[in-house]
Amino acid sequence: MPPSAVKTVEDLIFWQYAKIISKSAGMGKKNYGFIMDRFKKLQSGEIEWSTSMRKITKISLFWDNDFQSY
């Protein structure tokens, strides 16, 4: 379960991506401090991600906004 800092779909994507970064860095998926650090850097734009991840974010934000209109 994500922490209370995760409030939007975009935040959730950042959180999951931060866990992927943590695992890739050899820190594991349960190193909360490292994951939170990467999460905050992703939120602030200090860390950028690949073009494919940006496209996924745009698509997910589109769907999230579309469903909220019903």
C-alpha atoms as a PDB file:
ATOM      1  CA  MET A   1       0.000   0.000   0.000  1.00  0.00           C
ATOM      2  CA  PRO A   2       1.397   3.419  -0.927  1.00  0.00           C
ATOM      3  CA  PRO A   3       2.005   6.066   1.752  1.00  0.00           C
ATOM      4  CA  SER A   4      -0.276   9.031   2.404  1.00  0.00           C
ATOM      5  CA  ALA A   5       1.992  11.188   0.197  1.00  0.00           C
ATOM      6  CA  VAL A   6       0.436   9.445  -2.815  1.00  0.00           C
ATOM      7  CA  LYS A   7      -2.696  11.452  -3.583  1.00  0.00           C
ATOM      8  CA  THR A   8      -3.173  11.273  -7.373  1.00  0.00           C
ATOM      9  CA  VAL A   9      -2.847   8.766 -10.172  1.00  0.00           C
ATOM     10  CA  GLU A  10       0.329  10.552 -11.233  1.00  0.00           C
ATOM     11  CA  ASP A  11       1.716  10.190  -7.696  1.00  0.00           C
ATOM     12  CA  LEU A  12       0.890   6.487  -7.754  1.00  0.00           C
ATOM     13  CA  ILE A  13       2.792   6.093 -11.009  1.00  0.00           C
ATOM     14  CA  PHE A  14       5.754   7.988  -9.506  1.00  0.00           C
ATOM     15  CA  TRP A  15       5.603   5.740  -6.418  1.00  0.00           C
ATOM     16  CA  GLN A  16       5.628   2.560  -8.493  1.00  0.00           C
ATOM     17  CA  TYR A  17       8.421   3.909 -10.693  1.00  0.00           C
ATOM     18  CA  ALA A  18      10.431   4.820  -7.574  1.00  0.00           C
ATOM     19  CA  LYS A  19      10.090   1.192  -6.429  1.00  0.00           C
ATOM     20  CA  ILE A  20      11.374   0.021  -9.816  1.00  0.00           C
ATOM     21  CA  ILE A  21      14.333   2.410  -9.516  1.00  0.00           C
ATOM     22  CA  SER A  22      15.027   1.104  -6.008  1.00  0.00           C
ATOM     23  CA  LYS A  23      14.995  -2.512  -7.123  1.00  0.00           C
ATOM     24  CA  SER A  24      17.201  -1.717 -10.138  1.00  0.00           C
ATOM     25  CA  ALA A  25      19.681   0.081  -7.864  1.00  0.00           C
ATOM     26  CA  GLY A  26      19.967  -3.024  -5.694  1.00  0.00           C
ATOM     27  CA  MET A  27      18.162  -1.386  -2.781  1.00  0.00           C
ATOM     28  CA  GLY A  28      15.131  -3.669  -2.926  1.00  0.00           C
ATOM     29  CA  LYS A  29      11.445  -2.822  -3.096  1.00  0.00           C
ATOM     30  CA  LYS A  30      11.069  -2.344   0.667  1.00  0.00           C
ATOM     31  CA  ASN A  31      13.688   0.365   1.299  1.00  0.00           C
ATOM     32  CA  TYR A  32      11.175   3.069   2.238  1.00  0.00           C
ATOM     33  CA  GLY A  33      13.698   5.897   2.642  1.00  0.00           C
ATOM     34  CA  PHE A  34      15.284   5.384  -0.767  1.00  0.00           C
ATOM     35  CA  ILE A  35      11.911   4.915  -2.476  1.00  0.00           C
ATOM     36  CA  MET A  36      10.490   8.068  -0.850  1.00  0.00           C
ATOM     37  CA  ASP A  37      13.578  10.037  -1.897  1.00  0.00           C
ATOM     38  CA  ARG A  38      13.166   8.932  -5.525  1.00  0.00           C
ATOM     39  CA  PHE A  39       9.411   9.569  -5.342  1.00  0.00           C
ATOM     40  CA  LYS A  40       9.957  13.173  -4.217  1.00  0.00           C
ATOM     41  CA  LYS A  41      12.603  13.723  -6.895  1.00  0.00           C
ATOM     42  CA  LEU A  42      10.241  12.385  -9.555  1.00  0.00           C
ATOM     43  CA  GLN A  43       7.461  14.678  -8.282  1.00  0.00           C
ATOM     44  CA  SER A  44       9.710  17.737  -8.350  1.00  0.00           C
ATOM     45  CA  GLY A  45      11.092  16.944 -11.796  1.00  0.00           C
ATOM     46  CA  GLU A  46      14.633  16.545 -10.475  1.00  0.00           C
ATOM     47  CA  ILE A  47      14.636  13.028 -11.934  1.00  0.00           C
ATOM     48  CA  GLU A  48      13.215  12.572 -15.413  1.00  0.00           C
ATOM     49  CA  TRP A  49      12.107   9.316 -16.885  1.00  0.00           C
ATOM     50  CA  SER A  50      11.950   7.763 -20.298  1.00  0.00           C
ATOM     51  CA  THR A  51       9.633   8.967 -23.051  1.00  0.00           C
ATOM     52  CA  SER A  52       7.579   5.782 -22.841  1.00  0.00           C
ATOM     53  CA  MET A  53       6.866   6.412 -19.153  1.00  0.00           C
ATOM     54  CA  ARG A  54       5.773   9.993 -19.953  1.00  0.00           C
ATOM     55  CA  LYS A  55       3.332   8.642 -22.524  1.00  0.00           C
ATOM     56  CA  ILE A  56       1.917   6.149 -20.008  1.00  0.00           C
ATOM     57  CA  THR A  57       1.419   8.983 -17.511  1.00  0.00           C
ATOM     58  CA  LYS A  58      -0.413  11.140 -20.046  1.00  0.00           C
ATOM     59  CA  ILE A  59      -2.673   8.246 -20.999  1.00  0.00           C
ATOM     60  CA  SER A  60      -3.445   7.390 -17.374  1.00  0.00           C
ATOM     61  CA  LEU A  61      -4.190  11.032 -16.526  1.00  0.00           C
ATOM     62  CA  PHE A  62      -6.498  11.227 -19.547  1.00  0.00           C
ATOM     63  CA  TRP A  63      -8.411   8.142 -18.423  1.00  0.00           C
ATOM     64  CA  ASP A  64      -8.564   9.332 -14.818  1.00  0.00           C
ATOM     65  CA  ASN A  65     -10.023  12.697 -15.852  1.00  0.00           C
ATOM     66  CA  ASP A  66     -12.405  11.032 -18.310  1.00  0.00           C
ATOM     67  CA  PHE A  67     -13.863   8.720 -15.655  1.00  0.00           C
ATOM     68  CA  GLN A  68     -14.295  11.538 -13.135  1.00  0.00           C
ATOM     69  CA  SER A  69     -16.709  13.273 -15.497  1.00  0.00           C
ATOM     70  CA  TYR A  70     -19.321  10.485 -15.103  1.00  0.00           C
END
